[in-house]
Amino acid sequence: MSMRILVFGMNGQLGWQCVKDLPGAIGVDRACLDAATPSIKDDYTAVDRAEQERELAFRINADFPSQLAKLVAKALLIHISSDYVFDGHSSQAYQESDPPAPLSVYGASKRAGELAILESGANALVLRSTWLIGEQGQNFAKSILRLACTRSELRVVEDQRGVPTPTPFLVAQIASALRLNDKGPRGLFHLVPAGQTDWYRYAKHILEKAQLHRRWQSILRVRASALEAITTDQYPLAAARPRNSCLDTGRWKQVFGLEQLPHYQQVLDPVLDRILEKEPVPSQVP
């Protein structure tokens, strides 16, 4: 008997990838949720807007997971959380046992969602990940490409570290957990590829690839060599970001007997290639 998988947030980066890659996955979009349970939504990732929409952020990122944990009974609930539950002050990659200290409303709402599930007694797997990137939806790579085509200069923060996590990688790891059925991991785990970078070097890599791509090489107004590195203090946003978003994946590797997870560039470049091939080329601004 094949496994049946219900995916909330099917139009987001990760939800779309789950429906695409997981056999038996059925996606639920916002329209379905509005009809069935009008008081809840399926996703909330607007980090800066959450500072002004605290109630909405908590309703979606905390109350909704809490309701799901009560509804799923013995079915496995896989919940995706975020590096934003940490303040980023550590000099080391964060472990699951490190105390959360969110800097933003969004981070606090994600932590509340984690606790709601972990304390519910549900059959649950909570995965923290960072810097998601996929073909579907908006992400950092698509923003950099758009800005590099429409602006004459581009500044990117250099003092925030993290790990780009392609959605195909994350879904493949989830599939490995699902194949273990009742023997699979439960509780809280960190899951990202190996390696780390910062937003500036990440953006530079994106543009270096775009400069070699037939669809983009002639329309980029900002080349990789012209990127300007700045500090977080030079780019103030409504919601504070952790300077260190690196996550230790030792627990996950131990469960699966892995010496190492693939390096982020190994799993990132195929996704960037597909984005460069499919993403609509933005109109240039004079």
Protein backbone atom coordinates (compact mmCIF):
# COMPACT_ATOMS: atom_id res chain seq x y z
CA MET A 1 0.00 0.00 0.00
CA SER A 2 1.47 3.35 -1.03
CA MET A 3 1.90 6.13 1.49
CA ARG A 4 -0.50 9.05 1.33
CA ILE A 5 1.08 12.44 2.00
CA LEU A 6 -0.85 15.68 2.52
CA VAL A 7 1.21 18.80 1.81
CA PHE A 8 0.14 22.17 3.18
CA GLY A 9 1.49 25.18 1.30
CA MET A 10 1.67 23.46 -2.07
CA ASN A 11 2.36 26.71 -3.94
CA GLY A 12 5.41 27.62 -1.87
CA GLN A 13 8.98 26.63 -2.64
CA LEU A 14 9.10 23.53 -0.46
CA GLY A 15 5.46 22.50 -0.80
CA TRP A 16 5.70 22.55 -4.59
CA GLN A 17 8.84 20.41 -4.46
CA CYS A 18 7.17 17.92 -2.11
CA VAL A 19 4.20 17.47 -4.42
CA LYS A 20 6.55 17.11 -7.39
CA ASP A 21 9.00 14.63 -5.84
CA LEU A 22 7.15 12.59 -3.22
CA PRO A 23 5.04 9.70 -4.57
CA GLY A 24 1.53 9.88 -3.20
CA ALA A 25 1.78 13.55 -2.23
CA ILE A 26 -1.38 15.64 -2.50
CA GLY A 27 -1.12 19.40 -2.21
CA VAL A 28 -3.48 21.65 -0.29
CA ASP A 29 -3.58 25.29 -1.34
CA ARG A 30 -4.94 28.36 0.40
CA ALA A 31 -8.31 28.14 -1.35
CA CYS A 32 -8.90 24.66 0.08
CA LEU A 33 -7.95 25.82 3.55
CA ASP A 34 -10.19 28.87 3.31
CA ALA A 35 -13.13 26.65 2.44
CA ALA A 36 -12.49 24.00 5.09
CA THR A 37 -11.05 26.05 7.95
CA PRO A 38 -11.41 29.79 7.25
CA SER A 39 -9.65 30.76 10.49
CA ILE A 40 -6.27 29.34 9.45
CA LYS A 41 -3.84 29.74 6.57
CA ASP A 42 -1.12 27.45 5.28
CA ASP A 43 2.04 29.51 5.43
CA TYR A 44 3.55 32.78 6.60
CA THR A 45 7.11 33.70 5.69
CA ALA A 46 6.92 37.50 5.44
CA VAL A 47 9.67 38.17 7.96
CA ASP A 48 9.56 41.97 7.94
CA ARG A 49 5.79 42.28 7.60
CA ALA A 50 5.38 40.06 10.66
CA GLU A 51 6.70 42.91 12.81
CA GLN A 52 3.44 44.74 12.04
CA GLU A 53 1.27 41.61 11.82
CA ARG A 54 2.18 39.77 15.00
CA GLU A 55 -1.26 38.25 15.55
CA LEU A 56 -1.44 36.92 11.99
CA ALA A 57 2.09 35.51 12.14
CA PHE A 58 1.35 33.62 15.36
CA ARG A 59 -2.01 32.41 14.08
CA ILE A 60 -0.37 30.85 11.02
CA ASN A 61 3.02 29.75 12.35
CA ALA A 62 1.93 28.67 15.85
CA ASP A 63 -1.85 28.15 16.11
CA PHE A 64 -2.16 26.28 12.82
CA PRO A 65 0.61 23.75 13.63
CA SER A 66 -0.95 23.31 17.07
CA GLN A 67 -4.31 22.46 15.49
CA LEU A 68 -2.65 20.09 13.04
CA ALA A 69 -0.88 18.25 15.84
CA LYS A 70 -4.26 17.59 17.46
CA LEU A 71 -5.94 16.55 14.21
CA VAL A 72 -3.42 14.14 12.72
CA ALA A 73 -3.73 11.60 15.56
CA LYS A 74 -1.15 8.87 14.91
CA ALA A 75 -0.21 9.99 11.42
CA LEU A 76 3.31 11.39 11.06
CA LEU A 77 3.41 15.19 11.08
CA ILE A 78 6.50 16.77 9.49
CA HIS A 79 6.87 20.45 10.32
CA ILE A 80 9.48 22.79 8.83
CA SER A 81 10.94 25.45 11.08
CA SER A 82 13.65 28.04 10.74
CA ASP A 83 17.06 29.32 11.81
CA TYR A 84 15.23 32.48 12.89
CA VAL A 85 14.51 30.84 16.25
CA PHE A 86 18.14 31.71 17.14
CA ASP A 87 19.69 35.13 17.71
CA GLY A 88 22.83 34.31 15.71
CA HIS A 89 25.24 35.41 18.44
CA SER A 90 27.00 32.04 18.63
CA SER A 91 30.33 31.56 16.87
CA GLN A 92 29.50 27.88 16.24
CA ALA A 93 26.83 26.09 14.24
CA TYR A 94 23.71 25.72 16.35
CA GLN A 95 22.73 22.35 17.77
CA GLU A 96 19.20 21.25 18.59
CA SER A 97 20.00 21.55 22.30
CA ASP A 98 21.01 25.22 22.07
CA PRO A 99 18.44 27.56 23.65
CA PRO A 100 16.36 29.50 21.11
CA ALA A 101 16.38 33.29 21.35
CA PRO A 102 14.48 34.74 18.37
CA LEU A 103 15.17 38.33 17.38
CA SER A 104 11.95 38.88 15.43
CA VAL A 105 8.21 38.29 15.58
CA TYR A 106 8.59 35.79 12.76
CA GLY A 107 11.25 33.86 14.67
CA ALA A 108 9.16 33.90 17.84
CA SER A 109 6.12 32.61 15.94
CA LYS A 110 8.15 29.77 14.43
CA ARG A 111 9.48 28.83 17.86
CA ALA A 112 5.94 28.83 19.24
CA GLY A 113 4.93 26.48 16.43
CA GLU A 114 7.80 24.13 17.26
CA LEU A 115 6.81 24.00 20.91
CA ALA A 116 3.14 23.47 20.12
CA ILE A 117 4.00 20.37 18.12
CA LEU A 118 6.79 18.98 20.29
CA GLU A 119 4.74 19.34 23.48
CA SER A 120 1.54 17.94 21.96
CA GLY A 121 2.67 14.33 22.05
CA ALA A 122 2.01 14.05 18.31
CA ASN A 123 3.95 11.61 16.13
CA ALA A 124 6.05 14.45 14.75
CA LEU A 125 9.31 15.37 13.07
CA VAL A 126 10.30 19.03 13.31
CA LEU A 127 13.04 20.10 10.90
CA ARG A 128 14.89 23.39 11.14
CA SER A 129 16.46 24.55 7.90
CA THR A 130 17.92 27.73 6.42
CA TRP A 131 17.96 29.87 3.28
CA LEU A 132 15.56 27.77 1.18
CA ILE A 133 15.82 27.98 -2.59
CA GLY A 134 13.71 26.22 -5.20
CA GLU A 135 12.32 26.61 -8.69
CA GLN A 136 8.88 27.65 -7.48
CA GLY A 137 8.09 30.85 -5.61
CA GLN A 138 10.30 33.75 -4.64
CA ASN A 139 13.78 33.43 -3.19
CA PHE A 140 17.12 35.17 -2.86
CA ALA A 141 18.50 33.98 -6.20
CA LYS A 142 15.52 35.29 -8.16
CA SER A 143 15.69 38.61 -6.34
CA ILE A 144 19.40 38.99 -7.11
CA LEU A 145 18.82 38.25 -10.79
CA ARG A 146 15.99 40.77 -11.00
CA LEU A 147 17.93 43.48 -9.20
CA ALA A 148 21.09 42.87 -11.23
CA CYS A 149 19.08 43.45 -14.40
CA THR A 150 17.18 46.52 -13.25
CA ARG A 151 19.67 48.45 -11.10
CA SER A 152 22.97 50.10 -11.85
CA GLU A 153 24.54 49.04 -8.54
CA LEU A 154 23.87 46.32 -6.00
CA ARG A 155 24.93 46.03 -2.35
CA VAL A 156 24.66 42.76 -0.43
CA VAL A 157 25.20 41.97 3.24
CA GLU A 158 28.44 40.12 3.98
CA ASP A 159 28.28 39.56 7.74
CA GLN A 160 25.35 37.11 7.89
CA ARG A 161 26.40 33.46 7.52
CA GLY A 162 24.21 30.52 6.62
CA VAL A 163 23.67 27.55 4.33
CA PRO A 164 21.65 27.70 1.09
CA THR A 165 19.26 24.75 1.24
CA PRO A 166 17.81 23.67 -2.11
CA THR A 167 14.32 22.23 -1.87
CA PRO A 168 15.18 19.05 -3.87
CA PHE A 169 17.84 18.25 -1.26
CA LEU A 170 15.44 18.81 1.62
CA VAL A 171 12.67 16.75 0.04
CA ALA A 172 15.10 13.90 -0.71
CA GLN A 173 16.08 13.83 2.96
CA ILE A 174 12.43 13.87 4.01
CA ALA A 175 11.79 10.96 1.64
CA SER A 176 14.60 9.02 3.34
CA ALA A 177 12.90 9.57 6.69
CA LEU A 178 9.53 8.48 5.31
CA ARG A 179 11.00 5.24 3.96
CA LEU A 180 11.94 4.25 7.52
CA ASN A 181 8.26 4.39 8.52
CA ASP A 182 7.88 3.91 12.29
CA LYS A 183 11.66 3.54 12.71
CA GLY A 184 12.32 6.98 11.27
CA PRO A 185 13.53 10.02 13.23
CA ARG A 186 11.11 11.85 15.51
CA GLY A 187 11.46 15.06 17.45
CA LEU A 188 13.63 18.05 16.57
CA PHE A 189 16.43 17.93 13.98
CA HIS A 190 18.56 20.38 12.02
CA LEU A 191 18.78 19.71 8.29
CA VAL A 192 20.92 21.66 5.83
CA PRO A 193 23.66 20.69 3.34
CA ALA A 194 27.33 20.85 4.32
CA GLY A 195 29.35 24.04 4.08
CA GLN A 196 28.42 27.66 4.67
CA THR A 197 28.58 31.03 2.98
CA ASP A 198 27.32 34.60 3.38
CA TRP A 199 24.76 36.55 1.38
CA TYR A 200 27.42 38.52 -0.51
CA ARG A 201 29.35 35.47 -1.72
CA TYR A 202 26.08 33.68 -2.43
CA ALA A 203 24.95 36.57 -4.64
CA LYS A 204 28.33 36.67 -6.36
CA HIS A 205 28.07 32.97 -7.21
CA ILE A 206 24.58 33.49 -8.65
CA LEU A 207 25.77 36.31 -10.90
CA GLU A 208 28.88 34.41 -11.99
CA LYS A 209 26.62 31.64 -13.25
CA ALA A 210 24.21 34.13 -14.85
CA GLN A 211 27.09 35.81 -16.71
CA LEU A 212 27.74 32.52 -18.51
CA HIS A 213 24.10 31.80 -19.33
CA ARG A 214 22.80 32.68 -22.79
CA ARG A 215 19.54 34.19 -21.46
CA TRP A 216 21.16 36.47 -18.91
CA GLN A 217 24.71 37.33 -19.93
CA SER A 218 23.79 40.27 -22.17
CA ILE A 219 21.20 41.92 -19.92
CA LEU A 220 22.92 41.99 -16.53
CA ARG A 221 23.58 45.59 -15.53
CA VAL A 222 25.49 44.55 -12.42
CA ARG A 223 28.21 41.94 -12.86
CA ALA A 224 29.58 39.76 -10.08
CA SER A 225 32.76 41.83 -9.91
CA ALA A 226 30.72 45.00 -9.28
CA LEU A 227 28.81 43.70 -6.26
CA GLU A 228 29.43 45.77 -3.14
CA ALA A 229 29.75 44.03 0.22
CA ILE A 230 28.10 45.82 3.16
CA THR A 231 27.33 45.11 6.81
CA THR A 232 23.98 44.36 8.40
CA ASP A 233 24.07 47.78 10.06
CA GLN A 234 24.26 49.40 6.62
CA TYR A 235 21.09 47.63 5.50
CA PRO A 236 18.46 48.10 8.25
CA LEU A 237 15.26 46.08 8.00
CA ALA A 238 12.12 45.95 10.11
CA ALA A 239 13.00 42.50 11.46
CA ALA A 240 16.45 41.74 12.83
CA ARG A 241 18.26 38.79 11.22
CA PRO A 242 20.63 36.37 12.96
CA ARG A 243 24.26 36.97 11.94
CA ASN A 244 24.94 33.24 12.25
CA SER A 245 22.30 30.92 10.76
CA CYS A 246 24.52 27.83 10.52
CA LEU A 247 22.97 24.64 11.89
CA ASP A 248 24.76 21.53 13.12
CA THR A 249 23.37 18.40 11.42
CA GLY A 250 25.17 15.81 13.55
CA ARG A 251 21.96 14.26 14.92
CA TRP A 252 20.49 13.76 11.45
CA LYS A 253 23.69 12.20 10.10
CA GLN A 254 23.83 9.86 13.07
CA VAL A 255 20.31 8.57 12.45
CA PHE A 256 21.13 7.70 8.83
CA GLY A 257 24.73 6.62 9.38
CA LEU A 258 26.10 9.41 7.20
CA GLU A 259 29.64 10.70 7.45
CA GLN A 260 28.68 13.83 5.57
CA LEU A 261 25.76 15.44 3.77
CA PRO A 262 26.39 16.83 0.27
CA HIS A 263 28.01 20.26 0.07
CA TYR A 264 25.53 23.04 -0.59
CA GLN A 265 27.13 23.97 -3.94
CA GLN A 266 26.72 20.40 -5.18
CA VAL A 267 22.95 20.53 -4.65
CA LEU A 268 22.55 24.26 -5.28
CA ASP A 269 23.96 24.56 -8.79
CA PRO A 270 21.37 22.29 -10.49
CA VAL A 271 18.60 24.42 -8.97
CA LEU A 272 20.30 27.64 -10.08
CA ASP A 273 20.66 26.18 -13.59
CA ARG A 274 16.91 25.51 -13.74
CA ILE A 275 16.10 28.98 -12.42
CA LEU A 276 18.37 30.59 -15.03
CA GLU A 277 16.68 28.55 -17.73
CA LYS A 278 13.06 29.13 -16.68
CA GLU A 279 12.82 32.39 -14.75
CA PRO A 280 11.30 35.22 -16.83
CA VAL A 281 13.91 37.78 -17.78
CA PRO A 282 13.00 41.12 -16.15
CA SER A 283 12.60 44.28 -18.17
CA GLN A 284 15.47 46.67 -17.78
CA VAL A 285 14.91 50.08 -16.24
CA PRO A 286 16.65 52.95 -18.09
